[in-house]
Amino acid sequence: MYPYHENKYLTFGMSSFGVGHIFYSASIILFLQSSMNVFAEKYLALIIIFALAVILTTIIYFASKNVMKLKYGSFAPLVNAYSFVLLFTTMLSIYASFAFTTLPMFVLAIGFVMFLISDLILSIQYFGGKQMDKKLIFFNHLFYYLAQITIAMFIFFV
């Protein structure tokens, strides 16, 4: 709509979705804390998930930059911060689905995996110069809306 504000929209979008993922992570951690009695059981998993998110963020960033030739420019710090938050939330939801073995947590994990796929496609569009690629637009929207519906189903179950 206003191409000269594109950078502001992208910054605000990533920031607002990142904050949303932080709130989801916090709620998942509260669910986990209420069900786990042993101190080490609560925090060891969080430390491992945190470390894995850092490692995967680094690998994905360099692979996408060097292998896929995505150009992040001045967005690199924000992309890495957002990627870390999204990966942490996704892995935390997957861990919670195994810790609780309940349908709502499994649904939430599926939602975040689809959200991650959607954002990976979106990064190809924005940073790979393929914003108007019809196939990418279709698959981005498909995974995004399925993710939102699935995450909303989790909220309905809880």
C-alpha atoms as a PDB file:
ATOM      1  CA  MET A   1       0.000   0.000   0.000  1.00  0.00           C
ATOM      2  CA  TYR A   2       2.765   2.422   0.974  1.00  0.00           C
ATOM      3  CA  PRO A   3       5.979   0.933  -0.467  1.00  0.00           C
ATOM      4  CA  TYR A   4       8.157   3.614   1.129  1.00  0.00           C
ATOM      5  CA  HIS A   5       7.078   2.286   4.572  1.00  0.00           C
ATOM      6  CA  GLU A   6       7.811  -1.357   3.694  1.00  0.00           C
ATOM      7  CA  ASN A   7      10.746  -1.569   6.115  1.00  0.00           C
ATOM      8  CA  LYS A   8       8.638  -0.176   8.963  1.00  0.00           C
ATOM      9  CA  TYR A   9       5.863  -2.697   8.274  1.00  0.00           C
ATOM     10  CA  LEU A  10       8.317  -5.580   8.174  1.00  0.00           C
ATOM     11  CA  THR A  11       9.994  -4.454  11.404  1.00  0.00           C
ATOM     12  CA  PHE A  12       6.667  -3.981  13.179  1.00  0.00           C
ATOM     13  CA  GLY A  13       5.333  -7.302  11.865  1.00  0.00           C
ATOM     14  CA  MET A  14       8.313  -9.348  13.001  1.00  0.00           C
ATOM     15  CA  SER A  15       8.397  -7.544  16.344  1.00  0.00           C
ATOM     16  CA  SER A  16       4.701  -8.014  17.076  1.00  0.00           C
ATOM     17  CA  PHE A  17       4.694 -11.683  16.080  1.00  0.00           C
ATOM     18  CA  GLY A  18       7.859 -12.173  18.147  1.00  0.00           C
ATOM     19  CA  VAL A  19       6.158 -10.707  21.213  1.00  0.00           C
ATOM     20  CA  GLY A  20       3.195 -13.022  20.613  1.00  0.00           C
ATOM     21  CA  HIS A  21       5.512 -16.030  20.488  1.00  0.00           C
ATOM     22  CA  ILE A  22       7.152 -14.897  23.740  1.00  0.00           C
ATOM     23  CA  PHE A  23       3.724 -14.881  25.400  1.00  0.00           C
ATOM     24  CA  TYR A  24       2.990 -18.354  24.042  1.00  0.00           C
ATOM     25  CA  SER A  25       6.357 -19.572  25.350  1.00  0.00           C
ATOM     26  CA  ALA A  26       5.608 -18.099  28.760  1.00  0.00           C
ATOM     27  CA  SER A  27       2.217 -19.823  28.881  1.00  0.00           C
ATOM     28  CA  ILE A  28       3.714 -23.169  27.836  1.00  0.00           C
ATOM     29  CA  ILE A  29       6.388 -22.805  30.536  1.00  0.00           C
ATOM     30  CA  LEU A  30       3.653 -22.118  33.110  1.00  0.00           C
ATOM     31  CA  PHE A  31       1.819 -25.269  31.977  1.00  0.00           C
ATOM     32  CA  LEU A  32       5.040 -27.252  32.282  1.00  0.00           C
ATOM     33  CA  GLN A  33       5.835 -25.863  35.721  1.00  0.00           C
ATOM     34  CA  SER A  34       2.438 -26.842  37.027  1.00  0.00           C
ATOM     35  CA  SER A  35       2.953 -30.454  35.984  1.00  0.00           C
ATOM     36  CA  MET A  36       6.588 -31.089  36.888  1.00  0.00           C
ATOM     37  CA  ASN A  37       7.692 -31.523  40.475  1.00  0.00           C
ATOM     38  CA  VAL A  38      11.450 -31.915  40.185  1.00  0.00           C
ATOM     39  CA  PHE A  39      13.559 -28.759  39.777  1.00  0.00           C
ATOM     40  CA  ALA A  40      15.973 -30.340  37.291  1.00  0.00           C
ATOM     41  CA  GLU A  41      13.088 -31.732  35.255  1.00  0.00           C
ATOM     42  CA  LYS A  42      11.632 -28.227  34.871  1.00  0.00           C
ATOM     43  CA  TYR A  43      14.723 -26.329  33.915  1.00  0.00           C
ATOM     44  CA  LEU A  44      17.020 -28.806  32.203  1.00  0.00           C
ATOM     45  CA  ALA A  45      14.573 -29.142  29.301  1.00  0.00           C
ATOM     46  CA  LEU A  46      14.341 -25.348  28.984  1.00  0.00           C
ATOM     47  CA  ILE A  47      18.126 -24.991  28.927  1.00  0.00           C
ATOM     48  CA  ILE A  48      18.441 -27.698  26.259  1.00  0.00           C
ATOM     49  CA  ILE A  49      15.650 -26.183  24.140  1.00  0.00           C
ATOM     50  CA  PHE A  50      17.238 -22.732  24.499  1.00  0.00           C
ATOM     51  CA  ALA A  51      20.636 -24.056  23.381  1.00  0.00           C
ATOM     52  CA  LEU A  52      19.112 -25.954  20.450  1.00  0.00           C
ATOM     53  CA  ALA A  53      17.221 -22.831  19.370  1.00  0.00           C
ATOM     54  CA  VAL A  54      20.467 -20.825  19.377  1.00  0.00           C
ATOM     55  CA  ILE A  55      22.264 -23.507  17.362  1.00  0.00           C
ATOM     56  CA  LEU A  56      19.426 -23.948  14.845  1.00  0.00           C
ATOM     57  CA  THR A  57      19.012 -20.190  14.440  1.00  0.00           C
ATOM     58  CA  THR A  58      22.694 -19.896  13.595  1.00  0.00           C
ATOM     59  CA  ILE A  59      22.634 -22.830  11.180  1.00  0.00           C
ATOM     60  CA  ILE A  60      19.475 -21.648   9.415  1.00  0.00           C
ATOM     61  CA  TYR A  61      20.775 -18.083   9.139  1.00  0.00           C
ATOM     62  CA  PHE A  62      24.089 -19.046   7.547  1.00  0.00           C
ATOM     63  CA  ALA A  63      22.548 -21.743   5.343  1.00  0.00           C
ATOM     64  CA  SER A  64      19.855 -19.395   4.078  1.00  0.00           C
ATOM     65  CA  LYS A  65      22.383 -16.646   3.495  1.00  0.00           C
ATOM     66  CA  ASN A  66      25.128 -18.719   1.871  1.00  0.00           C
ATOM     67  CA  VAL A  67      23.274 -21.612   0.238  1.00  0.00           C
ATOM     68  CA  MET A  68      19.924 -20.018  -0.623  1.00  0.00           C
ATOM     69  CA  LYS A  69      21.478 -16.575  -1.166  1.00  0.00           C
ATOM     70  CA  LEU A  70      18.899 -14.705   0.916  1.00  0.00           C
ATOM     71  CA  LYS A  71      19.837 -11.070   1.518  1.00  0.00           C
ATOM     72  CA  TYR A  72      18.851  -9.845   4.982  1.00  0.00           C
ATOM     73  CA  GLY A  73      20.757  -6.561   4.921  1.00  0.00           C
ATOM     74  CA  SER A  74      19.959  -4.373   7.906  1.00  0.00           C
ATOM     75  CA  PHE A  75      17.252  -6.836   8.985  1.00  0.00           C
ATOM     76  CA  ALA A  76      19.795  -9.531   9.952  1.00  0.00           C
ATOM     77  CA  PRO A  77      19.701  -8.836  13.736  1.00  0.00           C
ATOM     78  CA  LEU A  78      15.902  -8.693  13.802  1.00  0.00           C
ATOM     79  CA  VAL A  79      15.600 -11.808  11.616  1.00  0.00           C
ATOM     80  CA  ASN A  80      17.913 -13.718  13.949  1.00  0.00           C
ATOM     81  CA  ALA A  81      16.099 -12.558  17.084  1.00  0.00           C
ATOM     82  CA  TYR A  82      12.707 -13.425  15.602  1.00  0.00           C
ATOM     83  CA  SER A  83      13.987 -16.770  14.285  1.00  0.00           C
ATOM     84  CA  PHE A  84      15.301 -17.669  17.716  1.00  0.00           C
ATOM     85  CA  VAL A  85      12.010 -16.802  19.409  1.00  0.00           C
ATOM     86  CA  LEU A  86       9.975 -18.755  16.845  1.00  0.00           C
ATOM     87  CA  LEU A  87      12.283 -21.793  16.996  1.00  0.00           C
ATOM     88  CA  PHE A  88      12.280 -21.725  20.804  1.00  0.00           C
ATOM     89  CA  THR A  89       8.480 -21.538  20.929  1.00  0.00           C
ATOM     90  CA  THR A  90       8.086 -24.295  18.333  1.00  0.00           C
ATOM     91  CA  MET A  91      10.510 -26.652  20.063  1.00  0.00           C
ATOM     92  CA  LEU A  92       8.980 -25.848  23.452  1.00  0.00           C
ATOM     93  CA  SER A  93       5.510 -26.708  22.136  1.00  0.00           C
ATOM     94  CA  ILE A  94       6.819 -29.985  20.685  1.00  0.00           C
ATOM     95  CA  TYR A  95       8.449 -30.819  24.024  1.00  0.00           C
ATOM     96  CA  ALA A  96       5.208 -29.960  25.871  1.00  0.00           C
ATOM     97  CA  SER A  97       3.235 -32.241  23.554  1.00  0.00           C
ATOM     98  CA  PHE A  98       5.463 -35.129  24.664  1.00  0.00           C
ATOM     99  CA  ALA A  99       5.516 -34.047  28.322  1.00  0.00           C
ATOM    100  CA  PHE A 100       1.718 -33.859  28.542  1.00  0.00           C
ATOM    101  CA  THR A 101       0.707 -36.322  25.820  1.00  0.00           C
ATOM    102  CA  THR A 102      -2.616 -34.543  25.480  1.00  0.00           C
ATOM    103  CA  LEU A 103      -4.470 -33.595  22.330  1.00  0.00           C
ATOM    104  CA  PRO A 104      -4.418 -29.820  23.013  1.00  0.00           C
ATOM    105  CA  MET A 105      -0.623 -29.727  23.369  1.00  0.00           C
ATOM    106  CA  PHE A 106      -0.196 -31.883  20.272  1.00  0.00           C
ATOM    107  CA  VAL A 107      -2.475 -29.494  18.356  1.00  0.00           C
ATOM    108  CA  LEU A 108      -0.440 -26.518  19.583  1.00  0.00           C
ATOM    109  CA  ALA A 109       2.810 -28.154  18.451  1.00  0.00           C
ATOM    110  CA  ILE A 110       1.371 -28.799  14.994  1.00  0.00           C
ATOM    111  CA  GLY A 111       0.263 -25.164  14.834  1.00  0.00           C
ATOM    112  CA  PHE A 112       3.718 -23.850  15.627  1.00  0.00           C
ATOM    113  CA  VAL A 113       5.395 -26.204  13.160  1.00  0.00           C
ATOM    114  CA  MET A 114       3.047 -24.864  10.463  1.00  0.00           C
ATOM    115  CA  PHE A 115       3.800 -21.303  11.597  1.00  0.00           C
ATOM    116  CA  LEU A 116       7.526 -22.029  11.273  1.00  0.00           C
ATOM    117  CA  ILE A 117       7.021 -23.406   7.753  1.00  0.00           C
ATOM    118  CA  SER A 118       4.991 -20.320   6.839  1.00  0.00           C
ATOM    119  CA  ASP A 119       7.736 -18.007   8.071  1.00  0.00           C
ATOM    120  CA  LEU A 120      10.439 -19.949   6.267  1.00  0.00           C
ATOM    121  CA  ILE A 121       8.477 -19.469   3.040  1.00  0.00           C
ATOM    122  CA  LEU A 122       7.938 -15.809   3.883  1.00  0.00           C
ATOM    123  CA  SER A 123      11.679 -15.286   4.349  1.00  0.00           C
ATOM    124  CA  ILE A 124      12.275 -16.656   0.843  1.00  0.00           C
ATOM    125  CA  GLN A 125       9.728 -14.167  -0.448  1.00  0.00           C
ATOM    126  CA  TYR A 126      11.021 -11.098   1.391  1.00  0.00           C
ATOM    127  CA  PHE A 127      14.741 -11.752   1.423  1.00  0.00           C
ATOM    128  CA  GLY A 128      15.053 -13.822  -1.735  1.00  0.00           C
ATOM    129  CA  GLY A 129      13.344 -11.313  -4.023  1.00  0.00           C
ATOM    130  CA  LYS A 130      10.311 -13.503  -4.679  1.00  0.00           C
ATOM    131  CA  GLN A 131       7.520 -11.470  -3.117  1.00  0.00           C
ATOM    132  CA  MET A 132       5.229 -11.954  -6.110  1.00  0.00           C
ATOM    133  CA  ASP A 133       5.856 -15.666  -6.656  1.00  0.00           C
ATOM    134  CA  LYS A 134       2.305 -17.103  -6.831  1.00  0.00           C
ATOM    135  CA  LYS A 135       3.259 -20.566  -5.529  1.00  0.00           C
ATOM    136  CA  LEU A 136       5.101 -19.127  -2.543  1.00  0.00           C
ATOM    137  CA  ILE A 137       2.201 -16.780  -1.803  1.00  0.00           C
ATOM    138  CA  PHE A 138      -0.244 -19.702  -1.918  1.00  0.00           C
ATOM    139  CA  PHE A 139       1.821 -21.969   0.333  1.00  0.00           C
ATOM    140  CA  ASN A 140       2.670 -19.156   2.733  1.00  0.00           C
ATOM    141  CA  HIS A 141      -1.015 -18.347   3.185  1.00  0.00           C
ATOM    142  CA  LEU A 142      -1.962 -22.031   3.403  1.00  0.00           C
ATOM    143  CA  PHE A 143       0.482 -22.755   6.224  1.00  0.00           C
ATOM    144  CA  TYR A 144      -0.139 -19.419   7.965  1.00  0.00           C
ATOM    145  CA  TYR A 145      -3.919 -19.805   8.156  1.00  0.00           C
ATOM    146  CA  LEU A 146      -3.717 -23.487   9.085  1.00  0.00           C
ATOM    147  CA  ALA A 147      -1.297 -22.486  11.852  1.00  0.00           C
ATOM    148  CA  GLN A 148      -3.596 -19.763  13.145  1.00  0.00           C
ATOM    149  CA  ILE A 149      -6.633 -22.053  13.082  1.00  0.00           C
ATOM    150  CA  THR A 150      -4.711 -24.835  14.811  1.00  0.00           C
ATOM    151  CA  ILE A 151      -3.345 -22.521  17.514  1.00  0.00           C
ATOM    152  CA  ALA A 152      -6.848 -21.139  18.056  1.00  0.00           C
ATOM    153  CA  MET A 153      -8.095 -24.728  18.423  1.00  0.00           C
ATOM    154  CA  PHE A 154      -5.568 -25.187  21.225  1.00  0.00           C
ATOM    155  CA  ILE A 155      -6.991 -22.166  23.015  1.00  0.00           C
ATOM    156  CA  PHE A 156     -10.492 -23.604  22.539  1.00  0.00           C
ATOM    157  CA  PHE A 157      -9.412 -26.915  24.127  1.00  0.00           C
ATOM    158  CA  VAL A 158      -7.790 -25.237  27.115  1.00  0.00           C
END
